[in-house]
N, C-alpha and C. Protein backbone atom coordinates (compact mmCIF):
# COMPACT_ATOMS: atom_id res chain seq x y z
N UNK A 1 -19.55 12.27 7.94
CA UNK A 1 -18.28 12.26 8.70
C UNK A 1 -18.38 13.41 9.66
N UNK A 2 -18.41 13.45 11.04
CA UNK A 2 -18.40 15.27 11.40
C UNK A 2 -16.41 15.15 11.59
N UNK A 3 -16.69 16.34 11.66
CA UNK A 3 -15.27 17.55 11.51
C UNK A 3 -15.11 16.63 13.01
N UNK A 4 -13.92 16.93 13.52
CA UNK A 4 -13.29 16.51 14.64
C UNK A 4 -13.57 17.17 16.18
N UNK A 5 -13.37 18.60 15.51
CA UNK A 5 -13.70 19.26 16.68
C UNK A 5 -15.53 19.29 16.98
N UNK A 6 -16.20 18.82 15.97
CA UNK A 6 -17.13 18.57 16.51
C UNK A 6 -17.63 17.61 17.18
N UNK A 7 -17.19 16.57 17.52
CA UNK A 7 -17.48 15.48 18.07
C UNK A 7 -17.33 15.70 19.45
N UNK A 8 -18.63 15.38 20.42
CA UNK A 8 -18.80 15.90 21.60
C UNK A 8 -17.89 14.36 22.69
N UNK A 9 -17.70 13.50 22.57
CA UNK A 9 -17.07 12.70 23.02
C UNK A 9 -15.89 11.63 22.75
N UNK A 10 -15.48 11.31 23.63
CA UNK A 10 -14.23 10.19 22.83
C UNK A 10 -14.99 8.98 21.78
N UNK A 11 -16.17 8.41 22.69
CA UNK A 11 -16.73 7.03 21.43
C UNK A 11 -16.51 8.00 20.37
N UNK A 12 -17.54 9.37 20.42
CA UNK A 12 -17.51 9.72 18.94
C UNK A 12 -15.80 9.98 18.10
N UNK A 13 -15.66 9.97 18.46
CA UNK A 13 -13.93 10.42 18.06
C UNK A 13 -13.47 8.83 17.60
N UNK A 14 -13.41 7.68 18.59
CA UNK A 14 -12.96 6.21 18.15
C UNK A 14 -13.56 5.61 16.98
N UNK A 15 -15.13 6.00 17.02
CA UNK A 15 -15.77 5.75 16.17
C UNK A 15 -15.17 6.12 14.53
N UNK A 16 -14.99 7.46 14.68
CA UNK A 16 -14.74 7.81 13.42
C UNK A 16 -13.45 7.53 13.36
N UNK A 17 -12.61 6.73 13.90
CA UNK A 17 -11.08 7.07 13.60
C UNK A 17 -10.99 5.24 12.86
N UNK A 18 -12.16 4.54 13.59
CA UNK A 18 -12.37 2.91 13.47
C UNK A 18 -12.62 3.19 11.41
N UNK A 19 -13.74 4.11 11.70
CA UNK A 19 -13.97 4.16 10.68
C UNK A 19 -13.41 4.95 9.31
N UNK A 20 -12.31 5.27 9.93
CA UNK A 20 -11.80 5.77 8.49
C UNK A 20 -10.51 4.90 8.62
N UNK A 21 -10.00 3.78 10.04
CA UNK A 21 -9.05 2.66 9.24
C UNK A 21 -10.09 1.69 8.65
N UNK A 22 -11.56 1.82 8.38
CA UNK A 22 -11.84 0.32 7.70
C UNK A 22 -11.19 1.03 6.50
N UNK A 23 -11.89 2.45 5.67
CA UNK A 23 -11.77 2.99 4.51
C UNK A 23 -10.32 2.99 4.42
N UNK A 24 -9.44 3.04 4.72
CA UNK A 24 -7.72 2.70 4.68
C UNK A 24 -7.59 1.18 4.00
N UNK A 25 -8.59 0.70 4.83
CA UNK A 25 -8.08 -1.01 4.76
C UNK A 25 -9.05 -1.31 3.32
N UNK A 26 -10.44 -0.74 3.12
CA UNK A 26 -10.83 -0.90 1.58
C UNK A 26 -10.06 -0.30 0.16
N UNK A 27 -9.58 0.70 0.82
CA UNK A 27 -8.85 1.05 -0.32
C UNK A 27 -7.34 0.21 -0.07
N UNK A 28 -6.39 -0.63 0.78
CA UNK A 28 -5.65 -1.31 0.10
C UNK A 28 -5.99 -2.47 -0.27
N UNK A 29 -7.43 -2.61 -0.02
CA UNK A 29 -7.71 -3.94 -0.30
C UNK A 29 -8.21 -3.97 -2.27
N UNK A 30 -8.43 -2.61 -2.63
CA UNK A 30 -8.48 -2.00 -3.81
C UNK A 30 -7.39 -2.28 -4.75
N UNK A 31 -6.26 -1.43 -3.50
CA UNK A 31 -5.11 -1.48 -4.58
C UNK A 31 -4.21 -2.83 -4.67
N UNK A 32 -4.72 -3.54 -3.52
CA UNK A 32 -3.93 -4.88 -3.32
C UNK A 32 -4.41 -5.51 -5.09
N UNK A 33 -5.78 -5.06 -5.41
CA UNK A 33 -6.23 -6.12 -6.97
C UNK A 33 -5.19 -5.77 -7.83
N UNK A 34 -4.64 -3.98 -7.82
CA UNK A 34 -4.03 -3.94 -9.47
C UNK A 34 -2.89 -4.72 -8.76
N UNK A 35 -2.32 -5.08 -7.82
CA UNK A 35 -1.21 -5.36 -7.88
C UNK A 35 -1.07 -7.04 -8.22
N UNK A 36 -2.08 -7.84 -8.13
CA UNK A 36 -2.18 -9.36 -8.19
C UNK A 36 -2.08 -8.90 -9.89
N UNK A 37 -2.53 -7.89 -10.82
CA UNK A 37 -2.97 -7.79 -11.94
C UNK A 37 -1.66 -7.48 -12.49
N UNK A 38 -0.66 -6.03 -11.57
CA UNK A 38 0.57 -5.92 -12.51
C UNK A 38 1.54 -6.90 -13.14
N UNK A 39 1.28 -8.26 -12.15
CA UNK A 39 2.32 -9.40 -12.61
C UNK A 39 1.85 -10.18 -14.56
N UNK A 40 0.80 -9.83 -14.76
CA UNK A 40 1.12 -10.30 -16.13
C UNK A 40 1.74 -9.28 -17.08
N UNK A 41 2.05 -8.02 -16.55
CA UNK A 41 3.17 -7.53 -17.85
C UNK A 41 4.70 -7.32 -17.15
N UNK A 42 4.50 -8.48 -15.93
CA UNK A 42 6.09 -8.76 -15.58
C UNK A 42 6.33 -9.72 -15.65
N UNK A 43 7.90 -10.10 -16.33
CA UNK A 43 7.98 -11.28 -16.93
C UNK A 43 9.32 -12.19 -16.30
N UNK A 44 10.09 -11.13 -14.83
CA UNK A 44 10.71 -12.24 -14.34
C UNK A 44 11.27 -11.52 -12.92
N UNK A 45 11.72 -12.39 -12.11
CA UNK A 45 12.16 -11.43 -10.86
C UNK A 45 11.97 -10.09 -10.81
N UNK A 46 13.63 -9.91 -11.52
CA UNK A 46 13.83 -8.19 -11.22
C UNK A 46 12.91 -7.39 -11.67
N UNK A 47 12.11 -7.88 -13.16
CA UNK A 47 10.94 -7.09 -13.41
C UNK A 47 9.98 -6.84 -11.56
N UNK A 48 10.23 -7.99 -10.95
CA UNK A 48 8.88 -7.99 -10.03
C UNK A 48 9.58 -6.51 -9.22
N UNK A 49 10.69 -6.97 -8.65
CA UNK A 49 11.56 -6.35 -7.61
C UNK A 49 12.02 -4.84 -7.73
N UNK A 50 12.05 -4.54 -9.47
CA UNK A 50 12.03 -3.52 -9.85
C UNK A 50 12.41 -2.51 -8.58
N UNK A 51 13.76 -2.20 -8.76
CA UNK A 51 14.41 -0.92 -7.30
C UNK A 51 14.30 0.04 -7.66
N UNK A 52 14.52 0.35 -9.13
CA UNK A 52 14.13 2.02 -9.37
C UNK A 52 12.61 2.19 -9.11
N UNK A 53 11.67 1.70 -9.62
CA UNK A 53 10.50 1.97 -9.24
C UNK A 53 9.92 2.56 -8.08
N UNK A 54 10.56 1.14 -7.29
CA UNK A 54 10.36 1.09 -5.46
C UNK A 54 11.07 2.87 -4.68
N UNK A 55 12.27 3.11 -5.43
CA UNK A 55 12.87 4.52 -5.06
C UNK A 55 12.12 5.33 -5.40
N UNK A 56 11.48 5.51 -6.66
CA UNK A 56 10.33 6.37 -7.07
C UNK A 56 9.29 6.61 -5.78
N UNK A 57 8.43 5.58 -5.85
CA UNK A 57 7.73 5.09 -5.27
C UNK A 57 7.78 6.28 -3.71
N UNK A 58 8.86 5.02 -3.08
CA UNK A 58 9.22 5.61 -1.32
C UNK A 58 9.14 7.21 -1.57
N UNK A 59 9.81 7.75 -2.38
CA UNK A 59 10.35 9.53 -2.77
C UNK A 59 8.53 10.25 -2.48
N UNK A 60 7.97 9.69 -3.61
CA UNK A 60 7.08 10.21 -4.15
C UNK A 60 6.04 10.47 -2.58
N UNK A 61 6.27 9.08 -1.92
CA UNK A 61 4.84 8.94 -0.86
C UNK A 61 5.81 10.05 0.51
N UNK A 62 6.89 9.81 0.58
CA UNK A 62 7.78 11.14 1.30
C UNK A 62 7.54 12.41 0.88
N UNK A 63 6.81 12.86 -0.35
CA UNK A 63 6.91 14.06 -0.70
C UNK A 63 5.23 14.14 -0.36
N UNK A 64 4.21 13.32 -0.72
CA UNK A 64 3.01 13.41 0.01
C UNK A 64 2.75 13.42 1.19
N UNK A 65 3.46 13.19 2.31
CA UNK A 65 3.28 13.29 3.32
C UNK A 65 3.84 14.46 4.07
N UNK A 66 4.93 15.18 3.44
CA UNK A 66 4.79 16.49 3.56
C UNK A 66 4.07 17.03 3.05
N UNK A 67 3.54 17.05 2.07
CA UNK A 67 2.80 17.88 1.61
C UNK A 67 1.11 18.00 2.73
N UNK A 68 1.37 17.16 3.11
CA UNK A 68 0.11 16.53 3.58
C UNK A 68 0.01 16.83 5.56
N UNK A 69 1.58 17.46 5.69
CA UNK A 69 1.96 17.70 6.68
C UNK A 69 1.89 16.61 7.98
N UNK A 70 2.41 15.34 7.56
CA UNK A 70 2.53 14.04 7.97
C UNK A 70 3.96 13.86 8.59
N UNK A 71 4.52 12.55 8.71
CA UNK A 71 5.90 12.45 9.32
C UNK A 71 6.28 11.59 7.91
N UNK A 72 7.15 11.96 7.21
CA UNK A 72 7.84 11.12 6.36
C UNK A 72 8.53 10.04 5.96
N UNK A 73 9.40 10.01 7.68
CA UNK A 73 9.62 8.87 7.95
C UNK A 73 8.78 7.50 8.77
N UNK A 74 7.72 8.15 9.22
CA UNK A 74 6.63 6.86 9.38
C UNK A 74 6.25 6.66 7.79
N UNK A 75 5.90 6.83 7.19
CA UNK A 75 5.24 6.80 5.60
C UNK A 75 5.90 6.21 4.90
N UNK A 76 7.27 6.00 5.07
CA UNK A 76 8.38 5.71 3.94
C UNK A 76 8.71 4.01 4.96
N UNK A 77 8.16 3.72 5.74
CA UNK A 77 8.25 2.51 6.57
C UNK A 77 7.17 2.17 6.34
N UNK A 78 5.99 2.92 6.23
CA UNK A 78 4.56 2.11 5.99
C UNK A 78 4.83 1.59 4.66
N UNK A 79 4.99 2.15 3.47
CA UNK A 79 5.14 1.76 2.02
C UNK A 79 6.16 0.73 1.89
N UNK A 80 7.25 1.00 2.15
CA UNK A 80 8.29 -0.25 2.81
C UNK A 80 7.77 -1.63 3.18
N UNK A 81 6.86 -1.42 3.80
CA UNK A 81 6.22 -2.76 4.39
C UNK A 81 5.39 -2.82 3.10
N UNK A 82 4.61 -2.25 3.00
CA UNK A 82 3.28 -2.60 1.53
C UNK A 82 4.12 -2.92 0.21
N UNK A 83 4.97 -2.29 0.23
CA UNK A 83 5.90 -3.04 -0.85
C UNK A 83 7.06 -4.50 -0.72
N UNK A 84 7.18 -4.54 0.71
CA UNK A 84 8.04 -5.69 0.65
C UNK A 84 6.91 -7.07 0.33
N UNK A 85 5.72 -6.73 1.21
CA UNK A 85 4.28 -7.50 1.16
C UNK A 85 4.16 -7.67 -0.65
N UNK A 86 4.03 -6.46 -1.00
CA UNK A 86 3.30 -6.90 -2.68
C UNK A 86 4.42 -7.60 -3.25
N UNK A 87 5.48 -7.45 -3.31
CA UNK A 87 6.76 -8.02 -3.98
C UNK A 87 6.37 -9.65 -3.74
N UNK A 88 6.74 -9.87 -2.37
CA UNK A 88 6.00 -11.44 -2.35
C UNK A 88 5.64 -11.77 -2.96
N UNK A 89 3.95 -11.63 -2.95
CA UNK A 89 3.20 -11.65 -3.46
C UNK A 89 3.06 -11.67 -4.93
N UNK A 90 3.52 -10.89 -6.09
CA UNK A 90 3.88 -10.90 -6.62
C UNK A 90 5.06 -11.97 -7.38
N UNK A 91 6.09 -12.11 -6.49
CA UNK A 91 6.91 -13.30 -6.76
C UNK A 91 6.44 -14.39 -6.70
N UNK A 92 5.74 -15.07 -5.79
CA UNK A 92 4.63 -16.24 -5.51
C UNK A 92 3.92 -16.36 -6.95
N UNK A 93 2.78 -15.19 -7.41
CA UNK A 93 1.73 -15.23 -8.59
C UNK A 93 2.83 -15.63 -9.65
N UNK A 94 3.79 -14.87 -9.92
CA UNK A 94 4.90 -15.03 -10.87
C UNK A 94 5.55 -16.44 -11.34
N UNK A 95 5.98 -17.05 -10.09
CA UNK A 95 6.70 -18.63 -10.09
C UNK A 95 5.02 -19.23 -10.61
N UNK A 96 3.71 -19.37 -9.74
CA UNK A 96 3.05 -20.24 -10.07
C UNK A 96 2.14 -19.86 -11.83
N UNK A 97 2.63 -19.23 -11.98
CA UNK A 97 1.97 -18.98 -13.44
C UNK A 97 3.07 -19.19 -14.88
N UNK A 98 4.36 -19.52 -14.15
CA UNK A 98 6.06 -20.12 -15.05
C UNK A 98 5.81 -21.80 -14.60
N UNK A 99 4.91 -21.82 -13.55
CA UNK A 99 5.33 -23.14 -13.37
C UNK A 99 4.13 -24.53 -13.92
N UNK A 100 5.04 -25.20 -15.02
CA UNK A 100 3.84 -26.20 -15.96
C UNK A 100 4.01 -26.89 -15.65
N UNK A 101 2.63 -27.94 -15.47
CA UNK A 101 3.04 -29.09 -15.37
C UNK A 101 3.95 -29.97 -16.19
N UNK A 102 4.27 -31.35 -15.58
CA UNK A 102 4.94 -32.38 -16.37
C UNK A 102 4.02 -33.30 -16.75
């Protein structure tokens, strides 16, 4: 991939951004596979919600954003959104694995 300053048209830049966005989504897909598997190690709703872990994750993502010269508030919002979705899915998985047919 070219460096941004090497692009010679808006189309080149848009194509590069689209490619990066696709890579971000592929990485999220890989991350989500781990999220689905982690439920195997959780026993109840409290272990899924894991408020202390959520706080640690947000603090670390904010730190990484600052290190990378990015807006920490933006990335806090992004990761809260991802975590809320993941917690919802983990709870669904936990409920379905704990439901035994009668």
